[in-house]
Amino acid sequence: MTGAHHEKVALVTGAAGGIGLATAERLGREGAAVVLVDNQVEPLQRAAAAMVAQGQTVLAVPADIGKEDEALGCVDAAVDAFGRLDIVVNAAGIQPYGTVVDTDLADWERVFAVNLTAIFLISKRAIPMMLAQGGGVIVNIASVQSLASSARVAAYAASKAGVLGLTRSIAVDHARDGIRANAICPGSVDTPLLRFSAEANRGDRSVEDMIAGWGAMHPVGRVGRAEEIAGLASYLAGPDAAFINGAAITIDGGVMAKLGIVLPE
């Protein structure tokens, strides 16, 4: 299979659904061998099987990247299977609700473990491989919540702000090594995480009504699609984005350009 990522090896976390799965599918269609990582084993296996049925080269690695050994181990599994690692897309994320006051320390630490520390650990393991082979690309899925927070997402917003800082640091430290790192800041996108938010906040309304209402708050009149975020991730991972490094790119239907609007994920 030829394409923009022909003969590349990509690792995607959060690949059992949402933005992670859409990105894995996009990279696979464009020729990459894709390592799918997620802690949801059955959805992960179904996603991998579907991609294989389409003629793509796939390895499914069940892992809880909130745990150090499993975060490092998924990179080792990719390199053991394919001998190199060219692209890492860190798309896994969790979002409990709570202010600073009512967020438990255990919840705070779990959010940071999955949303931020896992990116640190995966990058720590992946970068030496990229250095040895002459370069690579890291794409981190942050959030518009890293730029402007909604209510009651203290841990999530803080972790995603940390993603931007870590992304910039990697970009500066390793640009001369041929390694680029960029962050994507999606607005509201129709994913399982958004539907979790809708369920948690819907009151007497249906989930679909909640999502439609949030969509109406966007200048474009709808929430985003995971495939749209995947398209940007694929572009940033490819050669046409060679001069983009250390960026935080919003893809949000214009919501950050509109004063007074704060949206859920």
C-alpha atoms as a PDB file:
ATOM      1  CA  MET A   1       0.000   0.000   0.000  1.00  0.00           C
ATOM      2  CA  THR A   2       1.494   3.342  -1.042  1.00  0.00           C
ATOM      3  CA  GLY A   3       0.727   6.791   0.301  1.00  0.00           C
ATOM      4  CA  ALA A   4       2.128   9.692   2.299  1.00  0.00           C
ATOM      5  CA  HIS A   5       3.324   7.318   5.029  1.00  0.00           C
ATOM      6  CA  HIS A   6       4.491   4.399   2.888  1.00  0.00           C
ATOM      7  CA  GLU A   7       7.042   2.223   4.730  1.00  0.00           C
ATOM      8  CA  LYS A   8       6.616   4.230   7.953  1.00  0.00           C
ATOM      9  CA  VAL A   9       5.767   2.739  11.322  1.00  0.00           C
ATOM     10  CA  ALA A  10       3.258   4.615  13.480  1.00  0.00           C
ATOM     11  CA  LEU A  11       2.165   4.102  17.077  1.00  0.00           C
ATOM     12  CA  VAL A  12      -1.213   5.517  18.101  1.00  0.00           C
ATOM     13  CA  THR A  13      -2.543   5.516  21.655  1.00  0.00           C
ATOM     14  CA  GLY A  14      -6.242   5.644  22.445  1.00  0.00           C
ATOM     15  CA  ALA A  15      -6.689   3.675  19.234  1.00  0.00           C
ATOM     16  CA  ALA A  16      -9.802   1.694  20.184  1.00  0.00           C
ATOM     17  CA  GLY A  17     -12.104   4.592  19.364  1.00  0.00           C
ATOM     18  CA  GLY A  18     -12.555   8.280  18.719  1.00  0.00           C
ATOM     19  CA  ILE A  19      -9.690  10.408  17.429  1.00  0.00           C
ATOM     20  CA  GLY A  20      -7.130   7.674  18.075  1.00  0.00           C
ATOM     21  CA  LEU A  21      -8.944   5.108  15.961  1.00  0.00           C
ATOM     22  CA  ALA A  22      -9.671   7.585  13.164  1.00  0.00           C
ATOM     23  CA  THR A  23      -5.996   8.564  13.110  1.00  0.00           C
ATOM     24  CA  ALA A  24      -4.807   4.966  13.089  1.00  0.00           C
ATOM     25  CA  GLU A  25      -7.136   4.202  10.185  1.00  0.00           C
ATOM     26  CA  ARG A  26      -5.966   7.271   8.267  1.00  0.00           C
ATOM     27  CA  LEU A  27      -2.275   6.450   8.736  1.00  0.00           C
ATOM     28  CA  GLY A  28      -2.925   2.846   7.750  1.00  0.00           C
ATOM     29  CA  ARG A  29      -4.707   3.874   4.557  1.00  0.00           C
ATOM     30  CA  GLU A  30      -1.748   6.079   3.725  1.00  0.00           C
ATOM     31  CA  GLY A  31       0.675   3.196   3.920  1.00  0.00           C
ATOM     32  CA  ALA A  32       1.986   3.077   7.476  1.00  0.00           C
ATOM     33  CA  ALA A  33       2.272  -0.035   9.572  1.00  0.00           C
ATOM     34  CA  VAL A  34       0.225   0.957  12.613  1.00  0.00           C
ATOM     35  CA  VAL A  35       0.587  -0.110  16.224  1.00  0.00           C
ATOM     36  CA  LEU A  36      -2.757   0.368  17.995  1.00  0.00           C
ATOM     37  CA  VAL A  37      -2.546   0.887  21.757  1.00  0.00           C
ATOM     38  CA  ASP A  38      -5.487   0.996  24.165  1.00  0.00           C
ATOM     39  CA  ASN A  39      -6.617  -0.516  27.467  1.00  0.00           C
ATOM     40  CA  GLN A  40     -10.039  -1.460  26.035  1.00  0.00           C
ATOM     41  CA  VAL A  41      -9.064  -4.880  24.770  1.00  0.00           C
ATOM     42  CA  GLU A  42     -12.133  -6.034  22.853  1.00  0.00           C
ATOM     43  CA  PRO A  43     -12.721  -2.745  20.968  1.00  0.00           C
ATOM     44  CA  LEU A  44      -8.984  -2.640  20.242  1.00  0.00           C
ATOM     45  CA  GLN A  45      -9.019  -6.124  18.756  1.00  0.00           C
ATOM     46  CA  ARG A  46     -12.092  -5.294  16.646  1.00  0.00           C
ATOM     47  CA  ALA A  47     -10.446  -2.142  15.329  1.00  0.00           C
ATOM     48  CA  ALA A  48      -7.274  -4.026  14.444  1.00  0.00           C
ATOM     49  CA  ALA A  49      -9.208  -6.802  12.715  1.00  0.00           C
ATOM     50  CA  ALA A  50     -11.154  -4.284  10.633  1.00  0.00           C
ATOM     51  CA  MET A  51      -7.948  -2.598   9.495  1.00  0.00           C
ATOM     52  CA  VAL A  52      -6.326  -5.917   8.637  1.00  0.00           C
ATOM     53  CA  ALA A  53      -9.410  -6.825   6.585  1.00  0.00           C
ATOM     54  CA  GLN A  54      -8.743  -3.678   4.552  1.00  0.00           C
ATOM     55  CA  GLY A  55      -5.226  -4.866   3.763  1.00  0.00           C
ATOM     56  CA  GLN A  56      -3.422  -2.746   6.337  1.00  0.00           C
ATOM     57  CA  THR A  57      -0.470  -3.829   8.467  1.00  0.00           C
ATOM     58  CA  VAL A  58      -1.504  -3.637  12.110  1.00  0.00           C
ATOM     59  CA  LEU A  59      -0.306  -4.684  15.544  1.00  0.00           C
ATOM     60  CA  ALA A  60      -2.707  -4.387  18.492  1.00  0.00           C
ATOM     61  CA  VAL A  61      -1.044  -3.804  21.873  1.00  0.00           C
ATOM     62  CA  PRO A  62      -3.402  -3.831  24.871  1.00  0.00           C
ATOM     63  CA  ALA A  63      -1.878  -1.497  27.449  1.00  0.00           C
ATOM     64  CA  ASP A  64      -2.795   0.840  30.270  1.00  0.00           C
ATOM     65  CA  ILE A  65      -0.434   3.690  29.438  1.00  0.00           C
ATOM     66  CA  GLY A  66      -1.195   5.259  32.806  1.00  0.00           C
ATOM     67  CA  LYS A  67       1.249   2.667  34.169  1.00  0.00           C
ATOM     68  CA  GLU A  68       4.955   3.198  33.518  1.00  0.00           C
ATOM     69  CA  ASP A  69       5.878  -0.316  32.441  1.00  0.00           C
ATOM     70  CA  GLU A  70       2.964  -0.552  30.003  1.00  0.00           C
ATOM     71  CA  ALA A  71       3.613   2.893  28.492  1.00  0.00           C
ATOM     72  CA  LEU A  72       7.235   1.989  27.851  1.00  0.00           C
ATOM     73  CA  GLY A  73       6.299  -1.519  26.772  1.00  0.00           C
ATOM     74  CA  CYS A  74       4.051  -0.410  23.918  1.00  0.00           C
ATOM     75  CA  VAL A  75       7.015   1.368  22.288  1.00  0.00           C
ATOM     76  CA  ASP A  76       9.164  -1.724  22.766  1.00  0.00           C
ATOM     77  CA  ALA A  77       6.441  -3.843  21.164  1.00  0.00           C
ATOM     78  CA  ALA A  78       6.339  -1.566  18.115  1.00  0.00           C
ATOM     79  CA  VAL A  79      10.095  -1.654  17.625  1.00  0.00           C
ATOM     80  CA  ASP A  80      10.288  -5.397  18.247  1.00  0.00           C
ATOM     81  CA  ALA A  81       7.617  -5.998  15.609  1.00  0.00           C
ATOM     82  CA  PHE A  82       8.742  -3.582  12.907  1.00  0.00           C
ATOM     83  CA  GLY A  83      12.331  -2.598  13.696  1.00  0.00           C
ATOM     84  CA  ARG A  84      11.712   1.149  13.719  1.00  0.00           C
ATOM     85  CA  LEU A  85       9.291   3.851  14.809  1.00  0.00           C
ATOM     86  CA  ASP A  86       8.657   6.920  12.670  1.00  0.00           C
ATOM     87  CA  ILE A  87       5.429   8.424  13.992  1.00  0.00           C
ATOM     88  CA  VAL A  88       3.880   8.592  17.454  1.00  0.00           C
ATOM     89  CA  VAL A  89       0.379   9.984  17.923  1.00  0.00           C
ATOM     90  CA  ASN A  90      -0.556  10.354  21.577  1.00  0.00           C
ATOM     91  CA  ALA A  91      -4.352  10.446  21.420  1.00  0.00           C
ATOM     92  CA  ALA A  92      -5.369   8.714  24.653  1.00  0.00           C
ATOM     93  CA  GLY A  93      -7.153  10.856  27.201  1.00  0.00           C
ATOM     94  CA  ILE A  94      -9.611  10.769  30.082  1.00  0.00           C
ATOM     95  CA  GLN A  95     -11.796  13.528  31.537  1.00  0.00           C
ATOM     96  CA  PRO A  96     -13.461  13.283  34.934  1.00  0.00           C
ATOM     97  CA  TYR A  97     -15.473  16.266  36.127  1.00  0.00           C
ATOM     98  CA  GLY A  98     -14.590  18.316  39.181  1.00  0.00           C
ATOM     99  CA  THR A  99     -13.263  21.594  40.500  1.00  0.00           C
ATOM    100  CA  VAL A 100      -9.982  21.733  42.407  1.00  0.00           C
ATOM    101  CA  VAL A 101     -11.979  21.452  45.611  1.00  0.00           C
ATOM    102  CA  ASP A 102     -13.960  18.328  44.749  1.00  0.00           C
ATOM    103  CA  THR A 103     -11.368  16.473  42.641  1.00  0.00           C
ATOM    104  CA  ASP A 104      -9.830  13.602  44.584  1.00  0.00           C
ATOM    105  CA  LEU A 105      -6.056  13.343  44.533  1.00  0.00           C
ATOM    106  CA  ALA A 106      -6.343   9.831  43.097  1.00  0.00           C
ATOM    107  CA  ASP A 107      -8.444  11.142  40.194  1.00  0.00           C
ATOM    108  CA  TRP A 108      -6.020  14.022  39.622  1.00  0.00           C
ATOM    109  CA  GLU A 109      -3.058  11.660  39.515  1.00  0.00           C
ATOM    110  CA  ARG A 110      -4.813   9.237  37.176  1.00  0.00           C
ATOM    111  CA  VAL A 111      -5.692  12.030  34.736  1.00  0.00           C
ATOM    112  CA  PHE A 112      -2.107  13.238  34.686  1.00  0.00           C
ATOM    113  CA  ALA A 113      -0.799   9.683  34.351  1.00  0.00           C
ATOM    114  CA  VAL A 114      -2.864   9.026  31.211  1.00  0.00           C
ATOM    115  CA  ASN A 115      -3.022  12.491  29.654  1.00  0.00           C
ATOM    116  CA  LEU A 116       0.495  13.781  30.302  1.00  0.00           C
ATOM    117  CA  THR A 117       2.924  11.399  31.995  1.00  0.00           C
ATOM    118  CA  ALA A 118       2.214   8.712  29.398  1.00  0.00           C
ATOM    119  CA  ILE A 119       3.284  11.133  26.656  1.00  0.00           C
ATOM    120  CA  PHE A 120       6.484  11.808  28.577  1.00  0.00           C
ATOM    121  CA  LEU A 121       7.186   8.094  28.990  1.00  0.00           C
ATOM    122  CA  ILE A 122       6.326   7.109  25.429  1.00  0.00           C
ATOM    123  CA  SER A 123       8.422   9.974  24.072  1.00  0.00           C
ATOM    124  CA  LYS A 124      11.271   9.086  26.412  1.00  0.00           C
ATOM    125  CA  ARG A 125      11.346   5.588  24.916  1.00  0.00           C
ATOM    126  CA  ALA A 126      10.570   6.559  21.317  1.00  0.00           C
ATOM    127  CA  ILE A 127      12.996   9.453  20.853  1.00  0.00           C
ATOM    128  CA  PRO A 128      16.194   7.362  21.162  1.00  0.00           C
ATOM    129  CA  MET A 129      14.860   5.062  18.423  1.00  0.00           C
ATOM    130  CA  MET A 130      14.073   8.085  16.269  1.00  0.00           C
ATOM    131  CA  LEU A 131      17.535   9.502  16.932  1.00  0.00           C
ATOM    132  CA  ALA A 132      19.140   6.241  15.826  1.00  0.00           C
ATOM    133  CA  GLN A 133      17.223   6.163  12.564  1.00  0.00           C
ATOM    134  CA  GLY A 134      17.668   9.848  11.745  1.00  0.00           C
ATOM    135  CA  GLY A 135      14.346  11.396  12.713  1.00  0.00           C
ATOM    136  CA  GLY A 136      10.672  11.039  13.462  1.00  0.00           C
ATOM    137  CA  VAL A 137       7.469  12.859  14.346  1.00  0.00           C
ATOM    138  CA  ILE A 138       5.438  13.128  17.535  1.00  0.00           C
ATOM    139  CA  VAL A 139       1.866  14.439  17.387  1.00  0.00           C
ATOM    140  CA  ASN A 140       0.134  15.039  20.704  1.00  0.00           C
ATOM    141  CA  ILE A 141      -3.618  15.493  20.988  1.00  0.00           C
ATOM    142  CA  ALA A 142      -4.150  18.341  23.428  1.00  0.00           C
ATOM    143  CA  SER A 143      -7.400  20.323  23.573  1.00  0.00           C
ATOM    144  CA  VAL A 144      -8.886  23.789  23.358  1.00  0.00           C
ATOM    145  CA  GLN A 145      -9.227  23.232  27.117  1.00  0.00           C
ATOM    146  CA  SER A 146      -5.455  23.751  27.264  1.00  0.00           C
ATOM    147  CA  LEU A 147      -6.101  27.315  26.060  1.00  0.00           C
ATOM    148  CA  ALA A 148      -9.407  28.224  27.734  1.00  0.00           C
ATOM    149  CA  SER A 149     -11.112  26.111  30.373  1.00  0.00           C
ATOM    150  CA  SER A 150     -14.710  25.063  30.794  1.00  0.00           C
ATOM    151  CA  ALA A 151     -16.144  24.677  34.276  1.00  0.00           C
ATOM    152  CA  ARG A 152     -15.387  21.661  36.455  1.00  0.00           C
ATOM    153  CA  VAL A 153     -12.532  20.177  34.400  1.00  0.00           C
ATOM    154  CA  ALA A 154      -9.627  21.250  36.619  1.00  0.00           C
ATOM    155  CA  ALA A 155      -7.534  18.100  36.225  1.00  0.00           C
ATOM    156  CA  TYR A 156      -8.229  17.695  32.527  1.00  0.00           C
ATOM    157  CA  ALA A 157      -7.522  21.323  31.612  1.00  0.00           C
ATOM    158  CA  ALA A 158      -4.321  21.342  33.652  1.00  0.00           C
ATOM    159  CA  SER A 159      -3.097  18.093  32.098  1.00  0.00           C
ATOM    160  CA  LYS A 160      -3.803  19.315  28.576  1.00  0.00           C
ATOM    161  CA  ALA A 161      -2.009  22.597  29.243  1.00  0.00           C
ATOM    162  CA  GLY A 162       0.930  20.450  30.303  1.00  0.00           C
ATOM    163  CA  VAL A 163       0.765  18.639  26.967  1.00  0.00           C
ATOM    164  CA  LEU A 164       1.460  21.931  25.194  1.00  0.00           C
ATOM    165  CA  GLY A 165       4.484  22.664  27.373  1.00  0.00           C
ATOM    166  CA  LEU A 166       5.899  19.187  26.917  1.00  0.00           C
ATOM    167  CA  THR A 167       5.331  19.334  23.164  1.00  0.00           C
ATOM    168  CA  ARG A 168       7.222  22.610  22.872  1.00  0.00           C
ATOM    169  CA  SER A 169      10.081  21.267  24.964  1.00  0.00           C
ATOM    170  CA  ILE A 170      10.476  18.165  22.791  1.00  0.00           C
ATOM    171  CA  ALA A 171      10.320  20.316  19.672  1.00  0.00           C
ATOM    172  CA  VAL A 172      13.060  22.664  20.867  1.00  0.00           C
ATOM    173  CA  ASP A 173      15.323  19.949  22.263  1.00  0.00           C
ATOM    174  CA  HIS A 174      15.251  17.672  19.230  1.00  0.00           C
ATOM    175  CA  ALA A 175      14.640  19.832  16.160  1.00  0.00           C
ATOM    176  CA  ARG A 176      18.280  19.564  15.070  1.00  0.00           C
ATOM    177  CA  ASP A 177      17.985  15.782  15.410  1.00  0.00           C
ATOM    178  CA  GLY A 178      15.298  15.597  12.734  1.00  0.00           C
ATOM    179  CA  ILE A 179      12.503  15.071  15.254  1.00  0.00           C
ATOM    180  CA  ARG A 180       9.430  17.293  15.170  1.00  0.00           C
ATOM    181  CA  ALA A 181       6.720  17.547  17.825  1.00  0.00           C
ATOM    182  CA  ASN A 182       3.395  19.335  17.460  1.00  0.00           C
ATOM    183  CA  ALA A 183       0.130  19.478  19.376  1.00  0.00           C
ATOM    184  CA  ILE A 184      -3.418  19.495  18.070  1.00  0.00           C
ATOM    185  CA  CYS A 185      -6.074  21.336  20.079  1.00  0.00           C
ATOM    186  CA  PRO A 186      -9.507  20.015  19.072  1.00  0.00           C
ATOM    187  CA  GLY A 187     -12.731  21.630  20.097  1.00  0.00           C
ATOM    188  CA  SER A 188     -15.849  19.526  20.625  1.00  0.00           C
ATOM    189  CA  VAL A 189     -15.574  16.375  18.506  1.00  0.00           C
ATOM    190  CA  ASP A 190     -18.125  13.561  18.318  1.00  0.00           C
ATOM    191  CA  THR A 191     -16.200  10.861  20.163  1.00  0.00           C
ATOM    192  CA  PRO A 192     -16.956   8.520  23.053  1.00  0.00           C
ATOM    193  CA  LEU A 193     -15.424  11.124  25.371  1.00  0.00           C
ATOM    194  CA  LEU A 194     -17.814  13.829  24.145  1.00  0.00           C
ATOM    195  CA  ARG A 195     -20.736  11.452  24.566  1.00  0.00           C
ATOM    196  CA  PHE A 196     -19.566  10.704  28.099  1.00  0.00           C
ATOM    197  CA  SER A 197     -19.624  14.449  28.758  1.00  0.00           C
ATOM    198  CA  ALA A 198     -23.097  14.727  27.259  1.00  0.00           C
ATOM    199  CA  GLU A 199     -24.383  11.868  29.406  1.00  0.00           C
ATOM    200  CA  ALA A 200     -22.850  13.393  32.534  1.00  0.00           C
ATOM    201  CA  ASN A 201     -24.400  16.796  31.926  1.00  0.00           C
ATOM    202  CA  ARG A 202     -27.633  16.174  30.026  1.00  0.00           C
ATOM    203  CA  GLY A 203     -30.193  16.405  32.834  1.00  0.00           C
ATOM    204  CA  ASP A 204     -33.573  15.821  31.156  1.00  0.00           C
ATOM    205  CA  ARG A 205     -32.184  16.214  27.646  1.00  0.00           C
ATOM    206  CA  SER A 206     -31.010  13.423  25.369  1.00  0.00           C
ATOM    207  CA  VAL A 207     -27.374  12.932  24.473  1.00  0.00           C
ATOM    208  CA  GLU A 208     -28.145  13.805  20.853  1.00  0.00           C
ATOM    209  CA  ASP A 209     -29.851  17.030  21.912  1.00  0.00           C
ATOM    210  CA  MET A 210     -26.828  17.940  24.018  1.00  0.00           C
ATOM    211  CA  ILE A 211     -24.431  17.352  21.139  1.00  0.00           C
ATOM    212  CA  ALA A 212     -26.634  19.278  18.723  1.00  0.00           C
ATOM    213  CA  GLY A 213     -26.771  22.163  21.201  1.00  0.00           C
ATOM    214  CA  TRP A 214     -23.021  22.230  21.562  1.00  0.00           C
ATOM    215  CA  GLY A 215     -22.687  22.088  17.806  1.00  0.00           C
ATOM    216  CA  ALA A 216     -24.940  25.121  17.426  1.00  0.00           C
ATOM    217  CA  MET A 217     -22.536  27.091  19.619  1.00  0.00           C
ATOM    218  CA  HIS A 218     -19.755  26.631  17.052  1.00  0.00           C
ATOM    219  CA  PRO A 219     -19.472  29.183  14.262  1.00  0.00           C
ATOM    220  CA  VAL A 220     -19.611  26.306  11.751  1.00  0.00           C
ATOM    221  CA  GLY A 221     -22.831  25.051  13.367  1.00  0.00           C
ATOM    222  CA  ARG A 222     -21.774  21.545  14.387  1.00  0.00           C
ATOM    223  CA  VAL A 223     -19.285  19.568  16.432  1.00  0.00           C
ATOM    224  CA  GLY A 224     -16.261  18.094  14.694  1.00  0.00           C
ATOM    225  CA  ARG A 225     -15.707  14.604  13.350  1.00  0.00           C
ATOM    226  CA  ALA A 226     -12.839  12.401  14.487  1.00  0.00           C
ATOM    227  CA  GLU A 227     -11.818  11.945  10.858  1.00  0.00           C
ATOM    228  CA  GLU A 228     -11.193  15.689  10.576  1.00  0.00           C
ATOM    229  CA  ILE A 229      -8.733  15.596  13.458  1.00  0.00           C
ATOM    230  CA  ALA A 230      -7.121  12.509  11.951  1.00  0.00           C
ATOM    231  CA  GLY A 231      -6.550  14.370   8.705  1.00  0.00           C
ATOM    232  CA  LEU A 232      -4.602  17.078  10.522  1.00  0.00           C
ATOM    233  CA  ALA A 233      -2.617  14.505  12.491  1.00  0.00           C
ATOM    234  CA  SER A 234      -1.678  12.708   9.286  1.00  0.00           C
ATOM    235  CA  TYR A 235      -0.607  15.977   7.668  1.00  0.00           C
ATOM    236  CA  LEU A 236       1.557  16.950  10.647  1.00  0.00           C
ATOM    237  CA  ALA A 237       3.203  13.524  10.546  1.00  0.00           C
ATOM    238  CA  GLY A 238       4.028  13.837   6.863  1.00  0.00           C
ATOM    239  CA  PRO A 239       6.713  15.528   4.750  1.00  0.00           C
ATOM    240  CA  ASP A 240       4.553  18.496   3.744  1.00  0.00           C
ATOM    241  CA  ALA A 241       4.653  19.644   7.394  1.00  0.00           C
ATOM    242  CA  ALA A 242       8.453  19.583   7.615  1.00  0.00           C
ATOM    243  CA  PHE A 243       8.648  23.228   8.754  1.00  0.00           C
ATOM    244  CA  ILE A 244       5.934  22.903  11.418  1.00  0.00           C
ATOM    245  CA  ASN A 245       7.502  22.268  14.806  1.00  0.00           C
ATOM    246  CA  GLY A 246       6.452  23.110  18.349  1.00  0.00           C
ATOM    247  CA  ALA A 247       3.041  24.322  17.198  1.00  0.00           C
ATOM    248  CA  ALA A 248      -0.311  24.121  18.968  1.00  0.00           C
ATOM    249  CA  ILE A 249      -2.902  24.040  16.206  1.00  0.00           C
ATOM    250  CA  THR A 250      -6.575  24.572  16.990  1.00  0.00           C
ATOM    251  CA  ILE A 251      -9.141  22.631  14.968  1.00  0.00           C
ATOM    252  CA  ASP A 252     -12.383  23.716  16.524  1.00  0.00           C
ATOM    253  CA  GLY A 253     -14.868  25.037  13.996  1.00  0.00           C
ATOM    254  CA  GLY A 254     -13.899  28.580  14.952  1.00  0.00           C
ATOM    255  CA  VAL A 255     -14.957  28.324  18.573  1.00  0.00           C
ATOM    256  CA  MET A 256     -11.751  29.849  19.991  1.00  0.00           C
ATOM    257  CA  ALA A 257     -12.265  32.825  17.684  1.00  0.00           C
ATOM    258  CA  LYS A 258     -15.680  33.518  19.214  1.00  0.00           C
ATOM    259  CA  LEU A 259     -15.747  35.532  22.428  1.00  0.00           C
ATOM    260  CA  GLY A 260     -17.555  34.144  25.436  1.00  0.00           C
ATOM    261  CA  ILE A 261     -17.912  30.532  24.290  1.00  0.00           C
ATOM    262  CA  VAL A 262     -16.638  27.729  26.509  1.00  0.00           C
ATOM    263  CA  LEU A 263     -17.363  24.207  25.341  1.00  0.00           C
ATOM    264  CA  PRO A 264     -17.016  20.661  26.618  1.00  0.00           C
ATOM    265  CA  GLU A 265     -14.778  18.152  24.928  1.00  0.00           C
END
